[in-house]
Amino acid sequence: MSLGEKVMVRMRMSSHDAHYAGELVDGARMLALFGDLATELLIRLDGDEGLFRAYDSVEFLAPVLAGDYIEAEAELVSIGASSRRMRFEARKVIGSERDPKLPASAARLYDPPVVVCRATGTCVTPKPCQRLVIDPAELIVTAALVGAEITREQTPHLPITPQEIADEAARCREAGASVLHLHVREDDGSPTHRAERFAETLAAVRAKTDCILQVSTGGAIGMSIAQRAEALLGSPEMATLNCGSLNFGNDVFINTRSEIRDLAGRIHESGAVAELECYEVGHVEEALALFAKGTLTAPLHFQFVLGVPGGIGATEANVRFLRSVVQSTGPKGCTWGVAAVGRHQRPMTELAMRLGGHARVGLEDNIFWEKGVLSEGSAPLVRRAVDYAQTIGRPVADPARARQLLGVRAS
């Protein structure tokens, strides 16, 4: 049992549930279903029924009538020392037609279901009663500082020179990041493929932080494999491996299978750990095929990139499915995280945290206006992610612990 897990029950409301006018079901019936689901979550988590302490909010959104089929769901969203915070939703999936022109037995399937009630609440399991609880997994926060395509015109806070990147890296480390995802540029802002520039930038960052340095071998569209592999000459601890081709906005990002294998081999030979960047489900399968052939070694770390036009959408269903593929078919010890672009970054990375995954945040993925103010660098986005992790009870790993979790050698 872990954060983000859900339980569900489906029941038909009977005439005994109807309280008003012989047909309308009392709203308290929905809360009773939520209480039963909360108890199940507590039993799965703690081995004890626990206590429902309070609802934080309750919204009754649509009427429920006798004969309706109600699907109620509860999700565990945070774990404290004894508190367990949950989110609830009840949906009408089938209802009687109640149309005098139709037979009395006529019914309809609601597609999509009608949400009839939402709530959030807190339960408590006293410490002596907690028999099965599992400590929430430590969270690894990756900061993506630079990006391959964004420019100074888009944000004045984009770091470009080695010293600017190092200074922003230090701010991200102070905010709670343990991994730095780096694209390296020339002083004019253009992507570089010069080994000496990578070495200079990585040295500047190492002088100011103890973070894991993860370079991108994706480079700019049109760069050769040899040019993209220049990033490895700076002796990074991790390197991003794009695991397939895709329509990338108005461009096409080409990664043939032979190129993927070439880069994977170079990353392995350099001693770096591959971060497996996946924009589609097929990219996950390709990474697992590389592992099966011995080109990649465990533990594997997957980064699901969501919301890129042309790639997989930024939805909860996609995150849960991608996670299930890794957990069901990947080797033991796999880790995974989410990077989502623009307005999707916050909700998708917070979802990943609740589901036991890790998070990548930063300007590279987050060039958009929020409440009228453009984020002043990547450090505020890191800090926001760390603050959220604390609210759901997930401790944040420092760089030393992140190295252990990711199987990274010490620099």
Protein backbone atom coordinates (compact mmCIF):
# COMPACT_ATOMS: atom_id res chain seq x y z
CA MET A 1 0.00 0.00 0.00
CA SER A 2 1.39 3.42 -0.93
CA LEU A 3 0.40 7.00 -1.65
CA GLY A 4 -1.86 7.34 -4.67
CA GLU A 5 -3.49 3.94 -4.20
CA LYS A 6 -7.25 3.84 -4.76
CA VAL A 7 -10.11 1.62 -3.67
CA MET A 8 -13.59 1.56 -5.16
CA VAL A 9 -17.06 0.21 -4.48
CA ARG A 10 -20.15 0.17 -6.74
CA MET A 11 -23.64 -0.10 -5.29
CA ARG A 12 -27.22 0.35 -6.42
CA MET A 13 -29.30 2.71 -4.34
CA SER A 14 -32.48 1.02 -3.18
CA SER A 15 -35.83 2.35 -2.10
CA HIS A 16 -34.58 1.99 1.50
CA ASP A 17 -31.90 4.58 0.71
CA ALA A 18 -34.46 7.09 -0.58
CA HIS A 19 -35.17 9.73 2.05
CA TYR A 20 -36.97 12.61 0.34
CA ALA A 21 -40.14 12.44 -1.77
CA GLY A 22 -39.78 8.69 -1.93
CA GLU A 23 -36.99 8.88 -4.53
CA LEU A 24 -34.17 11.25 -3.52
CA VAL A 25 -31.28 9.62 -1.64
CA ASP A 26 -29.93 11.39 1.43
CA GLY A 27 -26.47 12.88 0.90
CA ALA A 28 -25.33 11.13 4.07
CA ARG A 29 -25.50 7.86 2.11
CA MET A 30 -22.55 9.04 -0.01
CA LEU A 31 -20.59 9.86 3.14
CA ALA A 32 -21.31 6.38 4.47
CA LEU A 33 -19.78 4.90 1.33
CA PHE A 34 -16.74 7.18 1.78
CA GLY A 35 -16.40 6.00 5.35
CA ASP A 36 -16.34 2.35 4.26
CA LEU A 37 -13.70 3.12 1.62
CA ALA A 38 -11.60 5.02 4.15
CA THR A 39 -11.71 1.99 6.43
CA GLU A 40 -10.50 -0.25 3.61
CA LEU A 41 -7.59 2.08 2.85
CA LEU A 42 -6.61 2.10 6.54
CA ILE A 43 -6.75 -1.68 6.75
CA ARG A 44 -4.59 -2.01 3.64
CA LEU A 45 -2.11 0.56 4.96
CA ASP A 46 -2.03 -0.09 8.71
CA GLY A 47 -3.72 -3.44 9.31
CA ASP A 48 -6.24 -1.57 11.45
CA GLU A 49 -9.61 0.09 10.85
CA GLY A 50 -8.48 3.38 12.40
CA LEU A 51 -10.77 6.34 12.97
CA PHE A 52 -12.33 8.93 10.68
CA ARG A 53 -11.43 12.25 12.30
CA ALA A 54 -12.95 14.94 10.07
CA TYR A 55 -14.00 15.98 6.59
CA ASP A 56 -12.15 19.03 5.28
CA SER A 57 -14.68 19.64 2.52
CA VAL A 58 -17.82 18.03 1.13
CA GLU A 59 -19.56 18.98 -2.14
CA PHE A 60 -22.91 17.54 -3.22
CA LEU A 61 -22.97 18.12 -6.97
CA ALA A 62 -25.92 16.19 -8.41
CA PRO A 63 -29.02 14.37 -7.10
CA VAL A 64 -28.95 10.64 -6.44
CA LEU A 65 -32.19 8.72 -6.87
CA ALA A 66 -33.35 5.27 -5.90
CA GLY A 67 -32.25 2.82 -8.59
CA ASP A 68 -29.06 4.71 -9.46
CA TYR A 69 -25.79 2.78 -9.55
CA ILE A 70 -23.15 4.72 -7.62
CA GLU A 71 -19.43 4.14 -8.02
CA ALA A 72 -17.51 5.58 -5.06
CA GLU A 73 -13.72 5.88 -4.98
CA ALA A 74 -11.15 6.89 -2.35
CA GLU A 75 -7.50 7.80 -2.84
CA LEU A 76 -4.76 8.04 -0.20
CA VAL A 77 -3.06 11.39 -0.75
CA SER A 78 -0.78 11.89 2.28
CA ILE A 79 0.60 9.98 5.26
CA GLY A 80 1.61 11.58 8.55
CA ALA A 81 2.82 10.01 11.78
CA SER A 82 -0.73 8.89 12.55
CA SER A 83 -2.88 10.90 10.12
CA ARG A 84 -3.92 9.69 6.67
CA ARG A 85 -5.45 12.22 4.32
CA MET A 86 -7.84 10.96 1.62
CA ARG A 87 -9.76 12.23 -1.39
CA PHE A 88 -13.21 10.85 -2.24
CA GLU A 89 -15.49 10.94 -5.28
CA ALA A 90 -18.88 9.36 -5.98
CA ARG A 91 -20.16 9.02 -9.55
CA LYS A 92 -23.52 7.97 -11.00
CA VAL A 93 -22.85 5.35 -13.69
CA ILE A 94 -26.38 4.02 -14.34
CA GLY A 95 -29.78 5.52 -13.66
CA SER A 96 -33.43 4.88 -14.42
CA GLU A 97 -34.88 6.91 -17.31
CA ARG A 98 -38.05 7.93 -15.44
CA ASP A 99 -39.66 8.91 -18.75
CA PRO A 100 -43.42 8.26 -18.91
CA LYS A 101 -43.05 7.60 -22.65
CA LEU A 102 -40.69 4.68 -21.93
CA PRO A 103 -41.21 1.38 -20.08
CA ALA A 104 -40.80 1.66 -16.31
CA SER A 105 -37.75 -0.59 -16.54
CA ALA A 106 -35.89 1.69 -18.99
CA ALA A 107 -32.43 2.75 -17.78
CA ARG A 108 -29.39 4.57 -19.13
CA LEU A 109 -25.63 4.23 -18.88
CA TYR A 110 -23.96 7.56 -18.12
CA ASP A 111 -20.86 8.02 -20.27
CA PRO A 112 -19.04 9.81 -18.81
CA PRO A 113 -20.35 9.15 -15.30
CA VAL A 114 -21.99 12.04 -13.44
CA VAL A 115 -20.02 13.18 -10.39
CA VAL A 116 -22.52 13.45 -7.54
CA CYS A 117 -20.26 14.09 -4.56
CA ARG A 118 -16.64 15.01 -3.79
CA ALA A 119 -14.91 15.23 -0.41
CA THR A 120 -11.57 15.31 1.32
CA GLY A 121 -10.98 14.09 4.84
CA THR A 122 -8.47 12.94 7.42
CA CYS A 123 -8.37 9.62 9.24
CA VAL A 124 -6.17 8.63 12.16
CA THR A 125 -4.55 5.34 13.08
CA PRO A 126 -2.92 5.58 16.53
CA LYS A 127 0.73 4.54 16.59
CA PRO A 128 0.15 1.38 18.69
CA CYS A 129 -2.41 0.19 16.12
CA GLN A 130 -0.15 0.59 13.05
CA ARG A 131 0.97 -2.92 12.11
CA LEU A 132 1.60 -2.80 8.35
CA VAL A 133 2.40 0.81 7.51
CA ILE A 134 5.21 1.34 5.00
CA ASP A 135 7.26 4.53 5.19
CA PRO A 136 6.67 6.71 2.12
CA ALA A 137 9.46 6.39 -0.42
CA GLU A 138 12.10 9.11 -0.50
CA LEU A 139 11.59 11.61 -3.29
CA ILE A 140 14.26 12.56 -5.83
CA VAL A 141 13.77 16.04 -7.28
CA THR A 142 15.49 16.75 -10.60
CA ALA A 143 15.95 20.34 -11.74
CA ALA A 144 15.99 20.97 -15.51
CA LEU A 145 17.74 24.33 -15.73
CA VAL A 146 18.38 25.19 -19.35
CA GLY A 147 16.55 23.28 -22.06
CA ALA A 148 17.37 22.79 -25.72
CA GLU A 149 14.99 25.21 -27.43
CA ILE A 150 14.07 28.10 -25.11
CA THR A 151 15.75 31.49 -25.42
CA ARG A 152 16.56 34.60 -23.39
CA GLU A 153 13.66 36.30 -25.16
CA GLN A 154 11.29 33.79 -23.59
CA THR A 155 12.69 34.27 -20.10
CA PRO A 156 15.38 36.59 -18.74
CA HIS A 157 16.11 34.01 -16.04
CA LEU A 158 17.46 31.35 -18.41
CA PRO A 159 21.06 30.48 -17.43
CA ILE A 160 23.43 30.15 -20.40
CA THR A 161 27.09 30.63 -19.44
CA PRO A 162 28.85 28.03 -17.28
CA GLN A 163 28.84 30.42 -14.31
CA GLU A 164 25.15 31.24 -14.73
CA ILE A 165 24.29 27.55 -14.87
CA ALA A 166 26.44 26.87 -11.80
CA ASP A 167 24.80 29.70 -9.85
CA GLU A 168 21.30 28.47 -10.69
CA ALA A 169 22.37 24.90 -9.88
CA ALA A 170 23.43 26.05 -6.41
CA ARG A 171 20.05 27.72 -5.87
CA CYS A 172 18.26 24.54 -6.94
CA ARG A 173 20.41 22.45 -4.60
CA GLU A 174 19.54 24.75 -1.71
CA ALA A 175 15.85 24.43 -2.63
CA GLY A 176 16.05 20.63 -2.44
CA ALA A 177 17.14 19.28 -5.84
CA SER A 178 19.48 16.31 -5.87
CA VAL A 179 19.80 15.81 -9.66
CA LEU A 180 20.57 18.48 -12.28
CA HIS A 181 19.39 17.81 -15.84
CA LEU A 182 21.69 19.87 -18.06
CA HIS A 183 21.79 21.06 -21.63
CA VAL A 184 24.96 23.04 -22.31
CA ARG A 185 25.14 26.13 -24.52
CA GLU A 186 27.58 28.53 -26.09
CA ASP A 187 27.64 32.11 -24.83
CA ASP A 188 25.33 33.18 -27.66
CA GLY A 189 22.73 30.69 -26.40
CA SER A 190 23.11 28.13 -29.18
CA PRO A 191 23.34 24.43 -28.23
CA THR A 192 26.92 23.18 -28.12
CA HIS A 193 28.56 19.92 -29.06
CA ARG A 194 32.07 20.90 -27.95
CA ALA A 195 33.54 18.57 -25.33
CA GLU A 196 35.51 21.40 -23.75
CA ARG A 197 32.35 23.42 -23.22
CA PHE A 198 30.70 20.48 -21.47
CA ALA A 199 33.78 19.99 -19.31
CA GLU A 200 33.89 23.69 -18.41
CA THR A 201 30.20 23.80 -17.49
CA LEU A 202 30.24 20.60 -15.46
CA ALA A 203 33.36 21.74 -13.60
CA ALA A 204 31.66 25.04 -12.72
CA VAL A 205 28.59 23.22 -11.42
CA ARG A 206 30.65 20.71 -9.44
CA ALA A 207 32.50 23.58 -7.77
CA LYS A 208 29.21 24.88 -6.34
CA THR A 209 27.04 21.78 -5.68
CA ASP A 210 27.21 18.10 -4.77
CA CYS A 211 24.24 17.25 -7.01
CA ILE A 212 24.18 14.39 -9.49
CA LEU A 213 24.99 15.81 -12.91
CA GLN A 214 22.79 14.41 -15.64
CA VAL A 215 23.59 15.61 -19.16
CA SER A 216 21.25 15.34 -22.12
CA THR A 217 22.45 13.40 -25.15
CA GLY A 218 19.31 14.54 -26.97
CA GLY A 219 20.97 17.76 -28.09
CA ALA A 220 19.29 19.92 -30.70
CA ILE A 221 17.27 18.47 -33.54
CA GLY A 222 19.64 17.67 -36.40
CA MET A 223 22.74 17.00 -34.26
CA SER A 224 24.60 13.79 -35.12
CA ILE A 225 25.05 10.95 -32.64
CA ALA A 226 28.74 11.79 -32.38
CA GLN A 227 27.90 15.40 -31.51
CA ARG A 228 25.29 14.35 -28.97
CA ALA A 229 27.76 11.93 -27.37
CA GLU A 230 30.23 14.78 -26.74
CA ALA A 231 28.25 15.45 -23.54
CA LEU A 232 29.67 12.25 -22.06
CA LEU A 233 33.23 13.57 -22.21
CA GLY A 234 32.53 15.80 -19.22
CA SER A 235 32.29 12.63 -17.05
CA PRO A 236 28.69 13.07 -15.92
CA GLU A 237 27.18 10.62 -13.45
CA MET A 238 23.98 10.28 -15.46
CA ALA A 239 23.00 10.85 -19.09
CA THR A 240 19.60 11.06 -20.70
CA LEU A 241 18.84 8.46 -23.35
CA ASN A 242 15.90 9.30 -25.62
CA CYS A 243 14.23 5.96 -26.25
CA GLY A 244 12.45 6.62 -29.53
CA SER A 245 11.37 9.02 -32.24
CA LEU A 246 8.36 11.31 -32.09
CA ASN A 247 6.67 14.34 -33.56
CA PHE A 248 8.07 17.10 -31.35
CA GLY A 249 5.85 20.14 -31.82
CA ASN A 250 6.33 21.15 -35.44
CA ASP A 251 9.55 19.13 -35.72
CA VAL A 252 10.36 15.45 -35.81
CA PHE A 253 12.85 14.15 -33.28
CA ILE A 254 14.52 11.13 -34.88
CA ASN A 255 16.07 8.37 -32.79
CA THR A 256 16.43 5.20 -34.85
CA ARG A 257 16.84 1.92 -33.02
CA SER A 258 20.45 1.67 -34.16
CA GLU A 259 21.12 5.21 -32.86
CA ILE A 260 19.48 4.44 -29.53
CA ARG A 261 21.64 1.35 -29.15
CA ASP A 262 24.74 3.29 -30.14
CA LEU A 263 24.11 5.99 -27.53
CA ALA A 264 23.10 3.45 -24.88
CA GLY A 265 26.40 1.65 -25.41
CA ARG A 266 28.37 4.88 -25.17
CA ILE A 267 26.58 5.85 -21.96
CA HIS A 268 27.29 2.44 -20.47
CA GLU A 269 30.97 2.58 -21.46
CA SER A 270 31.32 6.05 -19.90
CA GLY A 271 30.22 4.71 -16.52
CA ALA A 272 27.17 6.97 -16.40
CA VAL A 273 23.68 5.75 -15.46
CA ALA A 274 21.09 6.20 -18.21
CA GLU A 275 17.98 8.21 -17.51
CA LEU A 276 15.47 6.64 -19.91
CA GLU A 277 13.45 9.51 -21.37
CA CYS A 278 10.14 8.18 -22.67
CA TYR A 279 7.61 10.25 -24.63
CA GLU A 280 5.47 7.26 -25.61
CA VAL A 281 4.57 3.81 -24.29
CA GLY A 282 6.68 2.26 -27.07
CA HIS A 283 9.71 4.10 -25.70
CA VAL A 284 9.30 2.26 -22.39
CA GLU A 285 9.14 -1.03 -24.26
CA GLU A 286 12.30 -0.11 -26.21
CA ALA A 287 14.16 0.62 -22.98
CA LEU A 288 13.11 -2.74 -21.56
CA ALA A 289 14.29 -4.43 -24.78
CA LEU A 290 17.71 -2.78 -24.33
CA PHE A 291 17.84 -4.13 -20.79
CA ALA A 292 16.92 -7.63 -22.00
CA LYS A 293 19.84 -7.49 -24.46
CA GLY A 294 22.26 -6.38 -21.74
CA THR A 295 22.86 -2.93 -23.24
CA LEU A 296 21.37 -1.38 -20.09
CA THR A 297 21.92 -2.63 -16.56
CA ALA A 298 19.71 -2.40 -13.48
CA PRO A 299 18.52 -0.39 -11.73
CA LEU A 300 16.66 1.36 -14.53
CA HIS A 301 15.39 4.92 -14.10
CA PHE A 302 12.51 6.00 -16.37
CA GLN A 303 11.50 9.60 -16.99
CA PHE A 304 8.00 9.92 -18.45
CA VAL A 305 7.81 13.16 -20.45
CA LEU A 306 4.18 14.24 -20.77
CA GLY A 307 2.33 16.91 -22.69
CA VAL A 308 4.78 17.50 -25.54
CA PRO A 309 2.69 18.16 -28.70
CA GLY A 310 3.11 14.94 -30.64
CA GLY A 311 3.87 12.83 -27.55
CA ILE A 312 1.79 11.13 -24.88
CA GLY A 313 -0.74 13.36 -23.15
CA ALA A 314 -0.44 14.69 -19.61
CA THR A 315 -3.20 12.66 -17.91
CA GLU A 316 -3.50 10.64 -14.74
CA ALA A 317 -4.54 7.57 -16.73
CA ASN A 318 -1.32 7.73 -18.77
CA VAL A 319 0.88 8.11 -15.69
CA ARG A 320 -0.77 5.15 -14.01
CA PHE A 321 -0.47 3.03 -17.15
CA LEU A 322 3.20 3.87 -17.72
CA ARG A 323 3.91 3.09 -14.08
CA SER A 324 2.12 -0.24 -14.40
CA VAL A 325 4.24 -1.21 -17.44
CA VAL A 326 7.46 -0.49 -15.55
CA GLN A 327 6.32 -2.23 -12.38
CA SER A 328 4.91 -5.30 -14.10
CA THR A 329 7.59 -5.94 -16.73
CA GLY A 330 10.69 -4.05 -15.59
CA PRO A 331 13.48 -5.54 -13.46
CA LYS A 332 13.43 -5.25 -9.68
CA GLY A 333 14.46 -1.88 -8.33
CA CYS A 334 13.23 0.28 -11.23
CA THR A 335 12.53 3.91 -10.42
CA TRP A 336 10.43 6.33 -12.40
CA GLY A 337 9.61 10.00 -12.51
CA VAL A 338 7.54 12.51 -14.41
CA ALA A 339 8.50 15.59 -16.38
CA ALA A 340 5.55 17.50 -17.83
CA VAL A 341 5.58 20.61 -19.95
CA GLY A 342 4.01 24.01 -19.38
CA ARG A 343 0.85 24.15 -17.32
CA HIS A 344 0.96 20.36 -16.91
CA GLN A 345 4.18 20.39 -14.89
CA ARG A 346 2.73 21.03 -11.47
CA PRO A 347 -0.30 18.69 -11.49
CA MET A 348 1.57 15.83 -13.16
CA THR A 349 4.68 15.99 -10.96
CA GLU A 350 2.49 16.22 -7.86
CA LEU A 351 0.56 13.18 -9.10
CA ALA A 352 3.86 11.33 -9.56
CA MET A 353 4.82 12.16 -5.97
CA ARG A 354 1.53 10.76 -4.69
CA LEU A 355 2.02 7.58 -6.73
CA GLY A 356 5.50 6.90 -5.37
CA GLY A 357 7.44 8.31 -8.34
CA HIS A 358 9.94 11.14 -8.61
CA ALA A 359 9.68 14.60 -10.14
CA ARG A 360 11.55 16.75 -12.67
CA VAL A 361 10.80 20.46 -12.60
CA GLY A 362 12.46 23.57 -13.97
CA LEU A 363 12.47 26.18 -16.70
CA GLU A 364 13.30 23.66 -19.42
CA ASP A 365 9.80 22.21 -19.12
CA ASN A 366 7.99 25.17 -17.64
CA ILE A 367 8.07 28.24 -19.88
CA PHE A 368 4.64 29.69 -19.19
CA TRP A 369 3.04 32.53 -17.27
CA GLU A 370 1.61 31.66 -13.89
CA LYS A 371 -0.60 34.20 -12.11
CA GLY A 372 0.92 36.89 -14.31
CA VAL A 373 4.53 36.32 -13.18
CA LEU A 374 7.10 34.26 -15.03
CA SER A 375 9.01 31.98 -12.66
CA GLU A 376 12.35 33.52 -11.65
CA GLY A 377 14.53 30.56 -12.52
CA SER A 378 14.16 26.89 -11.70
CA ALA A 379 14.82 27.12 -7.94
CA PRO A 380 11.28 28.37 -7.09
CA LEU A 381 9.82 25.42 -8.98
CA VAL A 382 12.07 23.03 -7.05
CA ARG A 383 11.05 24.64 -3.77
CA ARG A 384 7.38 24.31 -4.63
CA ALA A 385 7.81 20.61 -5.39
CA VAL A 386 9.68 20.03 -2.13
CA ASP A 387 7.02 21.89 -0.16
CA TYR A 388 4.33 19.71 -1.72
CA ALA A 389 6.28 16.54 -0.92
CA GLN A 390 6.35 17.57 2.72
CA THR A 391 2.57 18.01 2.79
CA ILE A 392 2.05 14.42 1.67
CA GLY A 393 4.68 12.98 3.98
CA ARG A 394 7.41 12.12 1.47
CA PRO A 395 10.96 12.84 2.65
CA VAL A 396 13.26 14.42 0.05
CA ALA A 397 16.49 12.57 -0.74
CA ASP A 398 19.74 14.51 -0.68
CA PRO A 399 22.30 13.87 -3.45
CA ALA A 400 24.14 11.18 -1.49
CA ARG A 401 20.93 9.22 -0.88
CA ALA A 402 19.78 9.80 -4.48
CA ARG A 403 23.02 8.20 -5.69
CA GLN A 404 22.18 5.08 -3.71
CA LEU A 405 18.61 4.94 -4.98
CA LEU A 406 19.63 5.42 -8.63
CA GLY A 407 22.71 3.20 -8.56
CA VAL A 408 24.97 6.14 -9.40
CA ARG A 409 28.67 6.00 -8.61
CA ALA A 410 30.04 8.80 -6.45
CA SER A 411 31.64 11.59 -8.48
